Protein backbone atom coordinates (compact mmCIF):
# COMPACT_ATOMS: atom_id res chain seq x y z
CA UNK A 1 14.56 4.05 -14.34
CA UNK A 2 15.43 0.63 -15.57
CA UNK A 3 15.61 -0.77 -12.10
CA UNK A 4 12.12 0.68 -11.36
CA UNK A 5 10.66 -0.94 -14.40
CA UNK A 6 12.27 -4.28 -13.39
CA UNK A 7 10.83 -4.04 -9.77
CA UNK A 8 7.40 -3.28 -11.13
CA UNK A 9 7.42 -6.16 -13.52
CA UNK A 10 8.56 -8.40 -10.75
CA UNK A 11 5.79 -7.21 -8.49
CA UNK A 12 3.32 -7.87 -11.21
CA UNK A 13 4.68 -11.30 -11.78
CA UNK A 14 4.58 -12.12 -8.04
CA UNK A 15 0.99 -11.06 -7.88
CA UNK A 16 0.18 -13.38 -10.70
CA UNK A 17 1.81 -16.18 -8.98
CA UNK A 18 0.03 -15.42 -5.82
CA UNK A 19 -3.44 -14.86 -7.31
CA UNK A 20 -5.39 -17.41 -5.32
CA UNK A 21 -4.40 -15.76 -2.08
CA UNK A 22 -5.53 -12.40 -3.43
CA UNK A 23 -8.79 -13.58 -5.09
CA UNK A 24 -10.94 -12.34 -2.31
CA UNK A 25 -11.32 -9.57 0.16
CA UNK A 26 -9.03 -9.77 3.19
CA UNK A 27 -8.39 -7.81 6.34
CA UNK A 28 -4.89 -6.18 6.39
CA UNK A 29 -2.89 -3.83 8.67
CA UNK A 30 -0.74 -1.23 7.11
CA UNK A 31 2.18 0.10 9.04
CA UNK A 32 3.61 3.43 8.27
CA UNK A 33 7.33 3.08 8.67
CA UNK A 34 10.09 5.58 9.53
CA UNK A 35 12.43 6.66 7.00
CA UNK A 36 14.81 3.72 7.94
CA UNK A 37 13.22 0.93 6.15
CA UNK A 38 14.93 -1.69 8.38
CA UNK A 39 13.37 -0.23 11.47
CA UNK A 40 10.35 -2.32 12.57
CA UNK A 41 8.99 0.38 14.82
CA UNK A 42 6.16 1.78 12.77
CA UNK A 43 5.06 5.46 13.15
CA UNK A 44 1.42 4.33 13.30
CA UNK A 45 -0.89 1.43 12.02
CA UNK A 46 -4.15 1.44 10.45
CA UNK A 47 -6.75 -1.18 9.33
CA UNK A 48 -7.24 -1.86 5.55
CA UNK A 49 -9.65 -4.24 3.65
CA UNK A 50 -8.41 -5.13 0.26
CA UNK A 51 -9.57 -7.01 -2.63
CA UNK A 52 -6.77 -7.73 -5.16
CA UNK A 53 -7.85 -9.46 -8.40
CA UNK A 54 -5.66 -9.81 -11.42
CA UNK A 55 -3.37 -6.89 -10.03
CA UNK A 56 -6.40 -4.54 -9.41
CA UNK A 57 -6.65 -3.15 -5.90
CA UNK A 58 -9.96 -1.90 -4.33
CA UNK A 59 -10.87 -1.60 -0.84
CA UNK A 60 -11.18 0.87 2.14
CA UNK A 61 -8.71 2.24 4.77
CA UNK A 62 -9.60 3.75 8.15
CA UNK A 63 -7.48 6.70 8.96
CA UNK A 64 -6.42 7.98 12.39
CA UNK A 65 -9.59 10.15 12.54
CA UNK A 66 -11.70 7.02 12.01
CA UNK A 67 -12.87 8.19 8.62
CA UNK A 68 -13.15 5.54 5.90
CA UNK A 69 -11.16 6.21 2.75
CA UNK A 70 -11.18 4.46 -0.66
CA UNK A 71 -8.28 2.31 -1.94
CA UNK A 72 -7.95 2.06 -5.76
CA UNK A 73 -5.33 1.26 -8.36
CA UNK A 74 -3.04 -1.58 -9.40
CA UNK A 75 -0.71 -3.50 -7.06
CA UNK A 76 2.32 -1.59 -8.60
CA UNK A 77 0.70 1.80 -7.73
CA UNK A 78 -2.44 2.49 -5.71
CA UNK A 79 -4.01 5.38 -3.94
CA UNK A 80 -5.68 5.91 -0.53
CA UNK A 81 -8.14 8.75 -1.07
CA UNK A 82 -9.45 10.36 2.16
CA UNK A 83 -11.81 13.37 2.40
CA UNK A 84 -9.00 15.89 2.90
CA UNK A 85 -5.97 14.15 1.62
CA UNK A 86 -4.52 11.15 -0.39
CA UNK A 87 -1.53 8.87 -0.03
CA UNK A 88 0.10 7.32 -3.19
CA UNK A 89 1.68 3.89 -2.62
CA UNK A 90 4.20 2.52 -5.14
CA UNK A 91 7.34 0.51 -5.88
CA UNK A 92 5.53 -2.39 -4.26
CA UNK A 93 7.06 -5.78 -3.47
CA UNK A 94 4.91 -8.78 -2.73
CA UNK A 95 6.22 -11.61 -0.41
CA UNK A 96 6.40 -15.04 -1.98
CA UNK A 97 3.35 -16.26 0.16
CA UNK A 98 1.36 -13.12 -0.93
CA UNK A 99 0.61 -12.11 2.74
CA UNK A 100 2.89 -9.00 2.88
CA UNK A 101 3.06 -6.06 0.43
CA UNK A 102 5.88 -3.33 1.12
CA UNK A 103 6.89 -0.33 -0.77
CA UNK A 104 7.10 3.51 -0.53
CA UNK A 105 4.41 6.05 -0.09
CA UNK A 106 4.14 9.80 -0.96
CA UNK A 107 1.69 12.23 0.56
CA UNK A 108 1.37 15.37 -1.73
CA UNK A 109 0.67 18.79 -0.49
CA UNK A 110 -3.00 19.41 0.21
CA UNK A 111 -5.81 19.14 2.68
CA UNK A 112 -4.14 18.98 6.26
CA UNK A 113 -0.64 18.57 4.83
CA UNK A 114 1.28 21.82 4.13
CA UNK A 115 4.31 20.00 2.76
CA UNK A 116 4.82 16.77 0.88
CA UNK A 117 6.64 13.88 2.47
CA UNK A 118 7.38 10.18 1.66
CA UNK A 119 8.60 7.07 3.47
CA UNK A 120 7.88 3.33 3.56
CA UNK A 121 5.01 1.16 4.30
CA UNK A 122 4.23 -2.59 4.96
CA UNK A 123 0.82 -4.12 4.45
CA UNK A 124 0.34 -7.50 6.30
CA UNK A 125 -2.62 -9.82 5.85
CA UNK A 126 -4.34 -10.45 9.12
């Protein structure tokens, strides 16, 4: 638990240091990675528009069905809410240049998903 708290504090500190890069809306691409974090072969990719100001995240995500979903939360934990399901993104790490955010995601049971699952993600500013 202590390690998680330290990682979260580090992510918040990095966001504070990179604030100018995040002080506007930007186009991003999210890559849904296989359970092997070192693998660079994403399962799929989707477009995301994010605004990150003072650690607050808002924006939109376009899913595989071309539905627009809302993105809200904090840089350390944010949610993609689609009409029939949601994805929780957490344990985030921000690159030193502020152009990449990576972490883990969790999809709870509900909507089209009959069982929960989790893996890794990587967001890259376009």
